[in-house]
């Protein structure tokens, strides 16, 4: 969940594109937003450990002007990808997956 005082992402106008924003916690007081345009690559980055402490994943469409929290979908995809690869869920993703399952 976004912290109080943190602005909600604004959906820009423009070309029809769905973007994905990963909210990653750097420390107890600092969160950053990392924008991606490819969900599969983003899930791969989760499994590879490219994020410090992911909190939430939000998708938005620039033409249709909608925003959706897809953290539960991403957590399920991470679990499925680990099953496909035959690996256990990495410790660094356990908090994210547990909080969104």
N, C-alpha and C. Protein backbone atom coordinates (compact mmCIF):
# COMPACT_ATOMS: atom_id res chain seq x y z
N UNK A 1 0.83 -1.17 0.00
CA UNK A 1 0.00 0.00 0.00
C UNK A 1 0.88 1.24 0.00
N UNK A 2 0.49 2.26 -0.73
CA UNK A 2 1.24 3.49 -0.75
C UNK A 2 1.14 4.19 0.59
N UNK A 3 2.24 4.77 1.02
CA UNK A 3 2.29 5.48 2.29
C UNK A 3 1.54 6.81 2.19
N UNK A 4 1.07 7.32 3.30
CA UNK A 4 0.42 8.62 3.33
C UNK A 4 1.42 9.67 2.89
N UNK A 5 0.97 10.61 2.11
CA UNK A 5 1.84 11.67 1.64
C UNK A 5 2.58 11.34 0.36
N UNK A 6 2.50 10.08 -0.09
CA UNK A 6 3.15 9.68 -1.33
C UNK A 6 2.12 9.80 -2.45
N UNK A 7 2.40 10.60 -3.48
CA UNK A 7 1.41 10.79 -4.53
C UNK A 7 1.10 9.49 -5.28
N UNK A 8 -0.16 9.33 -5.65
CA UNK A 8 -0.59 8.18 -6.43
C UNK A 8 -0.10 8.37 -7.86
N UNK A 9 0.40 7.29 -8.50
CA UNK A 9 0.90 7.45 -9.87
C UNK A 9 -0.18 8.03 -10.78
N UNK A 10 0.19 8.94 -11.63
CA UNK A 10 -0.71 9.58 -12.56
C UNK A 10 -0.56 8.90 -13.92
N UNK A 11 -1.68 8.55 -14.52
CA UNK A 11 -1.64 7.90 -15.83
C UNK A 11 -1.45 8.97 -16.90
N UNK A 12 -0.33 8.92 -17.64
CA UNK A 12 -0.10 9.93 -18.66
C UNK A 12 -0.94 9.70 -19.90
N UNK A 13 -1.16 10.75 -20.66
CA UNK A 13 -1.86 10.64 -21.93
C UNK A 13 -0.84 10.31 -23.00
N UNK A 14 -1.25 9.63 -24.04
CA UNK A 14 -0.32 9.34 -25.11
C UNK A 14 -0.67 8.05 -25.80
N UNK A 15 0.33 7.43 -26.33
CA UNK A 15 0.16 6.19 -27.09
C UNK A 15 -0.42 5.10 -26.21
N UNK A 16 -1.11 4.15 -26.86
CA UNK A 16 -1.70 3.03 -26.14
C UNK A 16 -0.58 2.11 -25.66
N UNK A 17 -0.32 2.17 -24.38
CA UNK A 17 0.76 1.37 -23.82
C UNK A 17 0.40 1.01 -22.38
N UNK A 18 0.65 -0.24 -22.02
CA UNK A 18 0.47 -0.64 -20.63
C UNK A 18 1.85 -0.68 -19.99
N UNK A 19 2.01 0.03 -18.90
CA UNK A 19 3.27 0.10 -18.19
C UNK A 19 3.11 -0.53 -16.82
N UNK A 20 4.22 -0.94 -16.25
CA UNK A 20 4.23 -1.60 -14.95
C UNK A 20 5.21 -0.86 -14.04
N UNK A 21 4.74 -0.53 -12.85
CA UNK A 21 5.58 0.19 -11.89
C UNK A 21 5.77 -0.71 -10.68
N UNK A 22 7.03 -0.99 -10.35
CA UNK A 22 7.36 -1.75 -9.16
C UNK A 22 7.74 -0.74 -8.08
N UNK A 23 7.06 -0.82 -6.96
CA UNK A 23 7.42 0.02 -5.82
C UNK A 23 8.36 -0.81 -4.97
N UNK A 24 9.58 -0.32 -4.85
CA UNK A 24 10.65 -1.05 -4.18
C UNK A 24 11.11 -0.25 -2.97
N UNK A 25 11.17 -0.88 -1.82
CA UNK A 25 11.59 -0.22 -0.59
C UNK A 25 13.11 -0.33 -0.47
N UNK A 26 13.78 0.81 -0.39
CA UNK A 26 15.23 0.82 -0.23
C UNK A 26 15.63 0.71 1.24
N UNK A 27 14.88 1.37 2.10
CA UNK A 27 15.08 1.26 3.54
C UNK A 27 13.74 1.57 4.21
N UNK A 28 13.74 1.74 5.51
CA UNK A 28 12.47 1.90 6.23
C UNK A 28 11.69 3.13 5.79
N UNK A 29 12.36 4.15 5.28
CA UNK A 29 11.68 5.40 4.95
C UNK A 29 11.69 5.75 3.47
N UNK A 30 12.40 4.98 2.66
CA UNK A 30 12.56 5.35 1.25
C UNK A 30 12.01 4.28 0.33
N UNK A 31 11.09 4.69 -0.54
CA UNK A 31 10.58 3.80 -1.59
C UNK A 31 10.85 4.46 -2.93
N UNK A 32 11.16 3.65 -3.93
CA UNK A 32 11.33 4.18 -5.28
C UNK A 32 10.37 3.44 -6.20
N UNK A 33 10.06 4.08 -7.31
CA UNK A 33 9.19 3.48 -8.31
C UNK A 33 10.02 3.19 -9.55
N UNK A 34 9.97 1.94 -9.98
CA UNK A 34 10.75 1.50 -11.13
C UNK A 34 9.78 1.13 -12.23
N UNK A 35 9.84 1.83 -13.34
CA UNK A 35 8.88 1.64 -14.44
C UNK A 35 9.43 0.65 -15.46
N UNK A 36 8.55 -0.25 -15.89
CA UNK A 36 8.90 -1.24 -16.91
C UNK A 36 7.75 -1.31 -17.91
N UNK A 37 8.08 -1.73 -19.14
CA UNK A 37 7.03 -1.88 -20.16
C UNK A 37 6.75 -3.33 -20.50
N UNK A 38 7.48 -4.26 -19.90
CA UNK A 38 7.33 -5.68 -20.22
C UNK A 38 7.12 -6.46 -18.92
N UNK A 39 5.91 -7.01 -18.75
CA UNK A 39 5.59 -7.71 -17.51
C UNK A 39 6.42 -8.98 -17.34
N UNK A 40 6.62 -9.74 -18.40
CA UNK A 40 7.40 -10.98 -18.29
C UNK A 40 8.84 -10.69 -17.86
N UNK A 41 9.43 -9.64 -18.42
CA UNK A 41 10.79 -9.26 -18.03
C UNK A 41 10.81 -8.81 -16.58
N UNK A 42 9.76 -8.11 -16.15
CA UNK A 42 9.68 -7.64 -14.77
C UNK A 42 9.61 -8.82 -13.80
N UNK A 43 8.81 -9.83 -14.14
CA UNK A 43 8.72 -11.03 -13.30
C UNK A 43 10.07 -11.74 -13.26
N UNK A 44 10.74 -11.79 -14.41
CA UNK A 44 12.09 -12.38 -14.45
C UNK A 44 13.06 -11.62 -13.55
N UNK A 45 12.93 -10.30 -13.50
CA UNK A 45 13.78 -9.49 -12.63
C UNK A 45 13.48 -9.77 -11.15
N UNK A 46 12.21 -10.03 -10.84
CA UNK A 46 11.86 -10.41 -9.46
C UNK A 46 12.60 -11.68 -9.09
N UNK A 47 12.48 -12.71 -9.93
CA UNK A 47 13.09 -14.01 -9.63
C UNK A 47 14.61 -13.91 -9.59
N UNK A 48 15.19 -13.03 -10.41
CA UNK A 48 16.64 -12.87 -10.45
C UNK A 48 17.18 -12.05 -9.28
N UNK A 49 16.28 -11.45 -8.50
CA UNK A 49 16.72 -10.68 -7.34
C UNK A 49 17.13 -9.26 -7.65
N UNK A 50 16.57 -8.67 -8.67
CA UNK A 50 16.94 -7.31 -9.09
C UNK A 50 16.31 -6.22 -8.23
N UNK A 51 15.37 -6.56 -7.37
CA UNK A 51 14.73 -5.56 -6.52
C UNK A 51 15.16 -5.77 -5.08
N UNK A 52 15.23 -4.68 -4.33
CA UNK A 52 15.68 -4.73 -2.95
C UNK A 52 14.63 -5.34 -2.03
N UNK A 53 13.47 -4.71 -1.95
CA UNK A 53 12.37 -5.18 -1.12
C UNK A 53 11.06 -4.74 -1.79
N UNK A 54 10.62 -5.48 -2.82
CA UNK A 54 9.43 -5.05 -3.56
C UNK A 54 8.19 -5.03 -2.67
N UNK A 55 7.41 -3.97 -2.84
CA UNK A 55 6.23 -3.77 -2.02
C UNK A 55 4.95 -4.01 -2.81
N UNK A 56 4.92 -3.49 -4.04
CA UNK A 56 3.70 -3.53 -4.83
C UNK A 56 4.05 -3.39 -6.30
N UNK A 57 3.17 -3.92 -7.17
CA UNK A 57 3.30 -3.73 -8.61
C UNK A 57 1.98 -3.15 -9.11
N UNK A 58 2.10 -2.05 -9.84
CA UNK A 58 0.93 -1.36 -10.37
C UNK A 58 1.05 -1.32 -11.88
N UNK A 59 -0.05 -1.61 -12.56
CA UNK A 59 -0.06 -1.46 -14.02
C UNK A 59 -0.98 -0.30 -14.38
N UNK A 60 -0.65 0.37 -15.47
CA UNK A 60 -1.54 1.41 -15.96
C UNK A 60 -1.44 1.49 -17.46
N UNK A 61 -2.55 1.91 -18.07
CA UNK A 61 -2.62 2.03 -19.52
C UNK A 61 -2.72 3.49 -19.88
N UNK A 62 -1.85 3.91 -20.81
CA UNK A 62 -1.75 5.32 -21.15
C UNK A 62 -2.88 5.83 -22.04
N UNK A 63 -3.54 4.95 -22.78
CA UNK A 63 -4.64 5.38 -23.64
C UNK A 63 -5.99 5.24 -22.94
N UNK A 64 -6.18 4.12 -22.26
CA UNK A 64 -7.45 3.85 -21.62
C UNK A 64 -7.56 4.50 -20.24
N UNK A 65 -6.45 4.99 -19.70
CA UNK A 65 -6.41 5.74 -18.44
C UNK A 65 -6.93 4.95 -17.25
N UNK A 66 -6.42 3.74 -17.09
CA UNK A 66 -6.77 2.96 -15.92
C UNK A 66 -5.50 2.58 -15.16
N UNK A 67 -5.67 2.34 -13.87
CA UNK A 67 -4.59 1.92 -12.98
C UNK A 67 -5.09 0.71 -12.20
N UNK A 68 -4.22 -0.30 -12.04
CA UNK A 68 -4.63 -1.50 -11.32
C UNK A 68 -3.45 -2.04 -10.52
N UNK A 69 -3.71 -2.43 -9.28
CA UNK A 69 -2.70 -3.10 -8.46
C UNK A 69 -2.68 -4.57 -8.90
N UNK A 70 -1.56 -5.01 -9.47
CA UNK A 70 -1.45 -6.38 -9.97
C UNK A 70 -0.48 -7.21 -9.13
N UNK A 71 -0.25 -6.79 -7.90
CA UNK A 71 0.70 -7.48 -7.03
C UNK A 71 0.34 -8.95 -6.82
N UNK A 72 -0.96 -9.24 -6.65
CA UNK A 72 -1.40 -10.62 -6.46
C UNK A 72 -1.11 -11.46 -7.70
N UNK A 73 -1.35 -10.89 -8.89
CA UNK A 73 -1.07 -11.59 -10.14
C UNK A 73 0.43 -11.86 -10.29
N UNK A 74 1.24 -10.88 -9.95
CA UNK A 74 2.70 -11.03 -10.05
C UNK A 74 3.19 -12.08 -9.05
N UNK A 75 2.67 -12.06 -7.83
CA UNK A 75 3.06 -13.05 -6.83
C UNK A 75 2.74 -14.46 -7.33
N UNK A 76 1.56 -14.64 -7.94
CA UNK A 76 1.19 -15.95 -8.50
C UNK A 76 2.10 -16.35 -9.65
N UNK A 77 2.47 -15.38 -10.49
CA UNK A 77 3.37 -15.67 -11.61
C UNK A 77 4.77 -16.03 -11.11
N UNK A 78 5.22 -15.40 -10.05
CA UNK A 78 6.53 -15.72 -9.47
C UNK A 78 6.51 -17.16 -8.96
N UNK A 79 5.45 -17.52 -8.23
CA UNK A 79 5.33 -18.90 -7.72
C UNK A 79 5.30 -19.90 -8.87
N UNK A 80 4.54 -19.58 -9.92
CA UNK A 80 4.46 -20.47 -11.07
C UNK A 80 5.81 -20.61 -11.77
N UNK A 81 6.52 -19.50 -11.92
CA UNK A 81 7.83 -19.54 -12.58
C UNK A 81 8.82 -20.38 -11.76
N UNK A 82 8.79 -20.25 -10.45
CA UNK A 82 9.65 -21.07 -9.60
C UNK A 82 9.31 -22.55 -9.75
N UNK A 83 8.02 -22.87 -9.85
CA UNK A 83 7.60 -24.26 -10.06
C UNK A 83 8.09 -24.78 -11.41
N UNK A 84 7.97 -23.95 -12.44
CA UNK A 84 8.41 -24.36 -13.79
C UNK A 84 9.91 -24.63 -13.79
N UNK A 85 10.68 -23.76 -13.13
CA UNK A 85 12.14 -23.92 -13.08
C UNK A 85 12.58 -24.97 -12.09
N UNK A 86 11.64 -25.44 -11.27
CA UNK A 86 11.96 -26.45 -10.27
C UNK A 86 12.82 -25.92 -9.14
N UNK A 87 12.62 -24.65 -8.78
CA UNK A 87 13.38 -24.05 -7.69
C UNK A 87 12.43 -23.62 -6.58
N UNK A 88 12.98 -23.52 -5.37
CA UNK A 88 12.19 -23.01 -4.25
C UNK A 88 12.07 -21.51 -4.37
N UNK A 89 11.01 -20.97 -3.80
CA UNK A 89 10.82 -19.53 -3.78
C UNK A 89 11.99 -18.90 -3.02
N UNK A 90 12.73 -17.98 -3.66
CA UNK A 90 13.87 -17.36 -2.98
C UNK A 90 13.43 -16.59 -1.73
N UNK A 91 14.28 -16.59 -0.72
CA UNK A 91 13.96 -15.91 0.54
C UNK A 91 13.65 -14.44 0.34
N UNK A 92 14.36 -13.79 -0.59
CA UNK A 92 14.16 -12.36 -0.79
C UNK A 92 12.79 -12.04 -1.40
N UNK A 93 12.06 -13.04 -1.88
CA UNK A 93 10.72 -12.81 -2.42
C UNK A 93 9.61 -13.33 -1.52
N UNK A 94 9.98 -14.01 -0.45
CA UNK A 94 8.96 -14.64 0.39
C UNK A 94 8.00 -13.62 1.00
N UNK A 95 8.51 -12.47 1.47
CA UNK A 95 7.62 -11.45 2.05
C UNK A 95 6.63 -10.93 1.01
N UNK A 96 7.13 -10.63 -0.19
CA UNK A 96 6.26 -10.12 -1.24
C UNK A 96 5.18 -11.13 -1.61
N UNK A 97 5.59 -12.37 -1.85
CA UNK A 97 4.64 -13.40 -2.27
C UNK A 97 3.64 -13.69 -1.16
N UNK A 98 4.10 -13.80 0.07
CA UNK A 98 3.19 -14.08 1.19
C UNK A 98 2.19 -12.96 1.41
N UNK A 99 2.63 -11.72 1.26
CA UNK A 99 1.72 -10.60 1.52
C UNK A 99 0.72 -10.39 0.39
N UNK A 100 0.97 -11.00 -0.78
CA UNK A 100 0.06 -10.83 -1.92
C UNK A 100 -0.57 -12.14 -2.39
N UNK A 101 -0.52 -13.17 -1.56
CA UNK A 101 -1.13 -14.45 -1.94
C UNK A 101 -2.46 -14.62 -1.25
